[in-house]
Each structure stands twice: as structure tokens, then as C-alpha cells.
Amino acid sequence: MNHSLFACLIVTFAMIGCEQKPAQTGNVPTTQLTRQLAMEILSKSKLDVNRNSSDKYISLNGAALKDLYDDGLVRIDPDGTGELNKKGADFFNKYGFRQTPIRVRPGTSIPADGASRLVTEKVVEGTGIAMNGDGTQAHVEFNTEWVFADELRPVTKYLNKSAGSHKADMKKYDDGWRAVYLR
């Protein structure tokens, strides 16, 4: 028998019993982007990167009109809308909502201009991920909610906690995934 053929047979039989391991990829993480991983990355990102303080609008919740009326802050018209009275305007101004609309209804948005330092956004749910063909970029959709500082507690009962639906573009780098654009 030829020595090289014999050596090949020995190597082949030795490899049959060996566990095959995937090739090492150096420092390149092979982590796939999941909703959980995307939410972790987005939670660590500065969410208001594309907002300035005057762009934070918080809407009134569904029960706000009745609560505002019960608390003597608004007059309700027959058409179901309300109008803040002086006490109501002063109340919102006191907590930094200086450009308070006079006409209010559930869903009316109030700019949080003076209160913006007391209001932050928190990622609460990933709603979808669309990957590009080679798996190095992704479009992520997610929901956030407002987190109000304790100083705003008296006004928060009128406000909607939901901050809305947002989108982020993410890119896979050699050290992992990063959010590159938030909107």
C-alpha cells in the first residue's frame, strides 16, 4: 500500500470520531438581532436624539376631560370639547406646560417645553424587525412611553403615558449592533 494513501486513511478515520467545530470568526460577533437585543440597545441609546425640548408633545388621556372638569380646571361645551379656565391654565403652567391649549379634548397634545427636563422616554416594546439581505442592517419598530418625574405627579393623571411608535435603523459593526438613526 502506498504510504501517502495509508496516511490519508489514518487521518480520515481519526476525523470521523472528532467533533467538528465551526470556523472561528475572530472578533466578529455572530449574534443575530432579535427584538430583545434591539430593545436593549435602544434602551441604552439617547431616544430624543432627533427631538429638541420643544418637540416633546404629550397628549391628554381619554379620561382627561372629565377629570379636568371634576377638578374645576375646564368648562365643557355641548359639543364635548372643553376650554381651560384660568385655574386650569395656571395649573398646567405651574408644571412647565406653558403653551397649554385653551381648547382641549382627549388626545389634545400639550407641548412639554418647560417640563421637558422632567419627562423622558422609555422603550417598552419592540413591534418588528426587517433585516436587509446580508443581515448587516435592520429597520426596527418600537413603542415608547413617557416617564414623568415625581415633581409632575399632580399633572400626570391627565396625561397619556404612551409616547408613540418609533423607528430606528440599526447596523451591525465588528463589535455588535448599534442604533444609527432614530425617528
C-alpha atoms as a PDB file:
ATOM      1  CA  MET A   1       0.000   0.000   0.000  1.00  0.00           C
ATOM      2  CA  ASN A   2       1.195   3.463  -0.846  1.00  0.00           C
ATOM      3  CA  HIS A   3       2.385   5.413   2.236  1.00  0.00           C
ATOM      4  CA  SER A   4       0.513   8.620   1.281  1.00  0.00           C
ATOM      5  CA  LEU A   5      -2.745   6.670   0.770  1.00  0.00           C
ATOM      6  CA  PHE A   6      -2.214   4.963   4.134  1.00  0.00           C
ATOM      7  CA  ALA A   7      -1.626   8.351   5.830  1.00  0.00           C
ATOM      8  CA  CYS A   8      -4.833   9.718   4.271  1.00  0.00           C
ATOM      9  CA  LEU A   9      -6.821   6.743   5.552  1.00  0.00           C
ATOM     10  CA  ILE A  10      -5.477   7.204   9.078  1.00  0.00           C
ATOM     11  CA  VAL A  11      -6.355  10.935   9.044  1.00  0.00           C
ATOM     12  CA  THR A  12      -9.823  10.178   7.632  1.00  0.00           C
ATOM     13  CA  PHE A  13     -10.577   7.559  10.306  1.00  0.00           C
ATOM     14  CA  ALA A  14      -9.307   9.913  13.026  1.00  0.00           C
ATOM     15  CA  MET A  15     -11.581  12.713  11.771  1.00  0.00           C
ATOM     16  CA  ILE A  16     -14.678  10.505  11.777  1.00  0.00           C
ATOM     17  CA  GLY A  17     -14.646  10.369  15.568  1.00  0.00           C
ATOM     18  CA  CYS A  18     -13.796  14.051  16.036  1.00  0.00           C
ATOM     19  CA  GLU A  19     -16.346  16.707  16.781  1.00  0.00           C
ATOM     20  CA  GLN A  20     -16.418  19.287  14.034  1.00  0.00           C
ATOM     21  CA  LYS A  21     -16.367  22.881  15.229  1.00  0.00           C
ATOM     22  CA  PRO A  22     -17.421  25.903  13.197  1.00  0.00           C
ATOM     23  CA  ALA A  23     -14.655  28.109  11.910  1.00  0.00           C
ATOM     24  CA  GLN A  24     -13.701  30.922  14.254  1.00  0.00           C
ATOM     25  CA  THR A  25     -14.628  34.371  13.024  1.00  0.00           C
ATOM     26  CA  GLY A  26     -12.164  36.370  15.091  1.00  0.00           C
ATOM     27  CA  ASN A  27     -13.788  39.288  16.957  1.00  0.00           C
ATOM     28  CA  VAL A  28     -16.864  39.391  14.719  1.00  0.00           C
ATOM     29  CA  PRO A  29     -19.896  38.528  16.850  1.00  0.00           C
ATOM     30  CA  THR A  30     -22.352  36.249  15.117  1.00  0.00           C
ATOM     31  CA  THR A  31     -25.242  37.489  17.265  1.00  0.00           C
ATOM     32  CA  GLN A  32     -28.474  37.758  15.350  1.00  0.00           C
ATOM     33  CA  LEU A  33     -30.559  40.844  16.018  1.00  0.00           C
ATOM     34  CA  THR A  34     -33.633  39.801  17.993  1.00  0.00           C
ATOM     35  CA  ARG A  35     -36.364  42.042  19.357  1.00  0.00           C
ATOM     36  CA  GLN A  36     -34.938  41.621  22.853  1.00  0.00           C
ATOM     37  CA  LEU A  37     -31.420  42.610  21.764  1.00  0.00           C
ATOM     38  CA  ALA A  38     -32.758  45.550  19.740  1.00  0.00           C
ATOM     39  CA  MET A  39     -34.748  46.792  22.758  1.00  0.00           C
ATOM     40  CA  GLU A  40     -31.665  46.526  24.995  1.00  0.00           C
ATOM     41  CA  ILE A  41     -29.609  48.553  22.515  1.00  0.00           C
ATOM     42  CA  LEU A  42     -32.353  51.151  22.037  1.00  0.00           C
ATOM     43  CA  SER A  43     -32.856  51.458  25.810  1.00  0.00           C
ATOM     44  CA  LYS A  44     -29.214  52.473  26.121  1.00  0.00           C
ATOM     45  CA  SER A  45     -29.454  54.926  23.212  1.00  0.00           C
ATOM     46  CA  LYS A  46     -30.412  58.556  23.601  1.00  0.00           C
ATOM     47  CA  LEU A  47     -34.007  58.328  22.407  1.00  0.00           C
ATOM     48  CA  ASP A  48     -34.599  62.018  21.990  1.00  0.00           C
ATOM     49  CA  VAL A  49     -31.644  62.361  19.624  1.00  0.00           C
ATOM     50  CA  ASN A  50     -33.947  63.808  16.955  1.00  0.00           C
ATOM     51  CA  ARG A  51     -36.049  65.926  19.292  1.00  0.00           C
ATOM     52  CA  ASN A  52     -35.327  69.190  20.945  1.00  0.00           C
ATOM     53  CA  SER A  53     -37.096  70.144  24.151  1.00  0.00           C
ATOM     54  CA  SER A  54     -39.926  71.945  22.370  1.00  0.00           C
ATOM     55  CA  ASP A  55     -40.691  68.815  20.307  1.00  0.00           C
ATOM     56  CA  LYS A  56     -41.955  66.764  23.261  1.00  0.00           C
ATOM     57  CA  TYR A  57     -45.727  66.728  22.961  1.00  0.00           C
ATOM     58  CA  ILE A  58     -47.740  64.767  25.492  1.00  0.00           C
ATOM     59  CA  SER A  59     -51.373  64.029  24.785  1.00  0.00           C
ATOM     60  CA  LEU A  60     -54.238  64.114  27.238  1.00  0.00           C
ATOM     61  CA  ASN A  61     -55.590  60.682  28.158  1.00  0.00           C
ATOM     62  CA  GLY A  62     -59.121  59.507  27.429  1.00  0.00           C
ATOM     63  CA  ALA A  63     -60.479  60.419  30.863  1.00  0.00           C
ATOM     64  CA  ALA A  64     -58.737  63.798  30.993  1.00  0.00           C
ATOM     65  CA  LEU A  65     -61.686  65.957  30.042  1.00  0.00           C
ATOM     66  CA  LYS A  66     -63.912  64.510  32.778  1.00  0.00           C
ATOM     67  CA  ASP A  67     -61.081  64.659  35.329  1.00  0.00           C
ATOM     68  CA  LEU A  68     -60.240  68.240  34.373  1.00  0.00           C
ATOM     69  CA  TYR A  69     -63.916  69.150  34.742  1.00  0.00           C
ATOM     70  CA  ASP A  70     -64.238  67.345  38.087  1.00  0.00           C
ATOM     71  CA  ASP A  71     -61.168  69.219  39.341  1.00  0.00           C
ATOM     72  CA  GLY A  72     -62.572  72.602  38.243  1.00  0.00           C
ATOM     73  CA  LEU A  73     -59.911  73.229  35.589  1.00  0.00           C
ATOM     74  CA  VAL A  74     -62.068  73.220  32.463  1.00  0.00           C
ATOM     75  CA  ARG A  75     -65.509  74.177  31.206  1.00  0.00           C
ATOM     76  CA  ILE A  76     -67.124  71.560  28.932  1.00  0.00           C
ATOM     77  CA  ASP A  77     -69.131  72.733  25.925  1.00  0.00           C
ATOM     78  CA  PRO A  78     -72.183  70.911  24.491  1.00  0.00           C
ATOM     79  CA  ASP A  79     -70.034  69.651  21.572  1.00  0.00           C
ATOM     80  CA  GLY A  80     -67.929  67.640  24.042  1.00  0.00           C
ATOM     81  CA  THR A  81     -64.834  69.801  23.883  1.00  0.00           C
ATOM     82  CA  GLY A  82     -63.530  71.753  26.811  1.00  0.00           C
ATOM     83  CA  GLU A  83     -61.893  75.050  27.447  1.00  0.00           C
ATOM     84  CA  LEU A  84     -59.323  75.541  30.168  1.00  0.00           C
ATOM     85  CA  ASN A  85     -60.303  78.230  32.595  1.00  0.00           C
ATOM     86  CA  LYS A  86     -57.746  80.481  34.293  1.00  0.00           C
ATOM     87  CA  LYS A  87     -57.307  77.973  37.129  1.00  0.00           C
ATOM     88  CA  GLY A  88     -56.622  75.208  34.553  1.00  0.00           C
ATOM     89  CA  ALA A  89     -54.138  77.296  32.562  1.00  0.00           C
ATOM     90  CA  ASP A  90     -52.347  78.334  35.768  1.00  0.00           C
ATOM     91  CA  PHE A  91     -52.234  74.689  36.908  1.00  0.00           C
ATOM     92  CA  PHE A  92     -50.541  73.469  33.701  1.00  0.00           C
ATOM     93  CA  ASN A  93     -48.214  76.492  33.576  1.00  0.00           C
ATOM     94  CA  LYS A  94     -47.097  75.751  37.136  1.00  0.00           C
ATOM     95  CA  TYR A  95     -45.741  72.370  35.982  1.00  0.00           C
ATOM     96  CA  GLY A  96     -43.958  73.687  32.902  1.00  0.00           C
ATOM     97  CA  PHE A  97     -46.650  73.177  30.266  1.00  0.00           C
ATOM     98  CA  ARG A  98     -46.551  76.842  29.304  1.00  0.00           C
ATOM     99  CA  GLN A  99     -48.149  76.766  25.864  1.00  0.00           C
ATOM    100  CA  THR A 100     -51.225  74.973  27.130  1.00  0.00           C
ATOM    101  CA  PRO A 101     -54.003  74.911  24.537  1.00  0.00           C
ATOM    102  CA  ILE A 102     -57.189  76.680  25.509  1.00  0.00           C
ATOM    103  CA  ARG A 103     -59.461  74.158  23.704  1.00  0.00           C
ATOM    104  CA  VAL A 104     -58.980  70.608  24.996  1.00  0.00           C
ATOM    105  CA  ARG A 105     -60.351  67.162  24.218  1.00  0.00           C
ATOM    106  CA  PRO A 106     -58.915  63.674  24.811  1.00  0.00           C
ATOM    107  CA  GLY A 107     -55.879  63.309  22.579  1.00  0.00           C
ATOM    108  CA  THR A 108     -55.081  67.043  22.532  1.00  0.00           C
ATOM    109  CA  SER A 109     -51.297  67.369  22.602  1.00  0.00           C
ATOM    110  CA  ILE A 110     -49.611  69.678  25.063  1.00  0.00           C
ATOM    111  CA  PRO A 111     -46.016  70.807  24.420  1.00  0.00           C
ATOM    112  CA  ALA A 112     -43.806  69.916  27.369  1.00  0.00           C
ATOM    113  CA  ASP A 113     -41.494  72.856  26.782  1.00  0.00           C
ATOM    114  CA  GLY A 114     -40.818  73.887  30.385  1.00  0.00           C
ATOM    115  CA  ALA A 115     -41.281  70.373  31.754  1.00  0.00           C
ATOM    116  CA  SER A 116     -39.057  68.603  29.225  1.00  0.00           C
ATOM    117  CA  ARG A 117     -36.262  68.029  31.733  1.00  0.00           C
ATOM    118  CA  LEU A 118     -38.798  66.186  33.917  1.00  0.00           C
ATOM    119  CA  VAL A 119     -40.096  63.946  31.127  1.00  0.00           C
ATOM    120  CA  THR A 120     -38.111  61.132  29.493  1.00  0.00           C
ATOM    121  CA  GLU A 121     -38.954  58.334  27.086  1.00  0.00           C
ATOM    122  CA  LYS A 122     -38.552  54.645  27.836  1.00  0.00           C
ATOM    123  CA  VAL A 123     -38.591  51.762  25.338  1.00  0.00           C
ATOM    124  CA  VAL A 124     -41.401  49.390  26.290  1.00  0.00           C
ATOM    125  CA  GLU A 125     -41.949  47.081  23.324  1.00  0.00           C
ATOM    126  CA  GLY A 126     -40.369  46.004  20.068  1.00  0.00           C
ATOM    127  CA  THR A 127     -43.010  45.611  17.378  1.00  0.00           C
ATOM    128  CA  GLY A 128     -40.961  44.447  14.404  1.00  0.00           C
ATOM    129  CA  ILE A 129     -37.592  43.980  12.726  1.00  0.00           C
ATOM    130  CA  ALA A 130     -36.888  43.951   8.990  1.00  0.00           C
ATOM    131  CA  MET A 131     -33.375  42.803   8.036  1.00  0.00           C
ATOM    132  CA  ASN A 132     -31.581  43.634   4.819  1.00  0.00           C
ATOM    133  CA  GLY A 133     -30.430  40.790   2.577  1.00  0.00           C
ATOM    134  CA  ASP A 134     -26.979  40.236   4.086  1.00  0.00           C
ATOM    135  CA  GLY A 135     -28.072  40.676   7.727  1.00  0.00           C
ATOM    136  CA  THR A 136     -25.867  43.690   8.459  1.00  0.00           C
ATOM    137  CA  GLN A 137     -28.584  46.342   8.676  1.00  0.00           C
ATOM    138  CA  ALA A 138     -32.053  46.361  10.168  1.00  0.00           C
ATOM    139  CA  HIS A 139     -35.100  48.575  10.400  1.00  0.00           C
ATOM    140  CA  VAL A 140     -36.621  48.287  13.889  1.00  0.00           C
ATOM    141  CA  GLU A 141     -40.047  49.492  15.001  1.00  0.00           C
ATOM    142  CA  PHE A 142     -40.771  50.007  18.696  1.00  0.00           C
ATOM    143  CA  ASN A 143     -43.082  51.714  21.179  1.00  0.00           C
ATOM    144  CA  THR A 144     -42.116  54.058  23.976  1.00  0.00           C
ATOM    145  CA  GLU A 145     -43.852  55.590  26.934  1.00  0.00           C
ATOM    146  CA  TRP A 146     -43.286  58.779  28.882  1.00  0.00           C
ATOM    147  CA  VAL A 147     -41.675  58.567  32.292  1.00  0.00           C
ATOM    148  CA  PHE A 148     -42.617  61.517  34.471  1.00  0.00           C
ATOM    149  CA  ALA A 149     -40.508  62.829  37.336  1.00  0.00           C
ATOM    150  CA  ASP A 150     -42.143  62.873  40.768  1.00  0.00           C
ATOM    151  CA  GLU A 151     -42.493  66.674  40.566  1.00  0.00           C
ATOM    152  CA  LEU A 152     -45.087  66.168  37.794  1.00  0.00           C
ATOM    153  CA  ARG A 153     -47.230  63.699  39.762  1.00  0.00           C
ATOM    154  CA  PRO A 154     -50.213  66.112  40.145  1.00  0.00           C
ATOM    155  CA  VAL A 155     -50.483  66.635  36.374  1.00  0.00           C
ATOM    156  CA  THR A 156     -49.777  63.072  35.209  1.00  0.00           C
ATOM    157  CA  LYS A 157     -53.298  61.838  35.907  1.00  0.00           C
ATOM    158  CA  TYR A 158     -54.433  63.887  32.893  1.00  0.00           C
ATOM    159  CA  LEU A 159     -51.657  62.732  30.555  1.00  0.00           C
ATOM    160  CA  ASN A 160     -51.299  59.756  28.252  1.00  0.00           C
ATOM    161  CA  LYS A 161     -48.269  57.616  29.127  1.00  0.00           C
ATOM    162  CA  SER A 162     -47.840  56.375  25.573  1.00  0.00           C
ATOM    163  CA  ALA A 163     -45.174  58.360  23.738  1.00  0.00           C
ATOM    164  CA  GLY A 164     -45.940  56.633  20.456  1.00  0.00           C
ATOM    165  CA  SER A 165     -44.427  54.378  17.829  1.00  0.00           C
ATOM    166  CA  HIS A 166     -40.921  54.989  16.582  1.00  0.00           C
ATOM    167  CA  LYS A 167     -38.437  53.595  14.084  1.00  0.00           C
ATOM    168  CA  ALA A 168     -34.711  53.022  14.235  1.00  0.00           C
ATOM    169  CA  ASP A 169     -32.116  51.978  11.734  1.00  0.00           C
ATOM    170  CA  MET A 170     -29.523  49.639  13.177  1.00  0.00           C
ATOM    171  CA  LYS A 171     -26.220  48.490  11.746  1.00  0.00           C
ATOM    172  CA  LYS A 172     -24.024  45.525  12.627  1.00  0.00           C
ATOM    173  CA  TYR A 173     -20.420  46.546  13.303  1.00  0.00           C
ATOM    174  CA  ASP A 174     -17.446  44.347  14.171  1.00  0.00           C
ATOM    175  CA  ASP A 175     -18.240  44.792  17.879  1.00  0.00           C
ATOM    176  CA  GLY A 176     -22.014  44.289  17.627  1.00  0.00           C
ATOM    177  CA  TRP A 177     -25.222  46.095  16.701  1.00  0.00           C
ATOM    178  CA  ARG A 178     -25.727  49.852  17.084  1.00  0.00           C
ATOM    179  CA  ALA A 179     -28.638  52.217  16.553  1.00  0.00           C
ATOM    180  CA  VAL A 180     -27.525  54.653  13.852  1.00  0.00           C
ATOM    181  CA  TYR A 181     -30.715  56.646  13.332  1.00  0.00           C
ATOM    182  CA  LEU A 182     -33.794  57.120  15.492  1.00  0.00           C
ATOM    183  CA  ARG A 183     -37.045  58.713  14.404  1.00  0.00           C
END
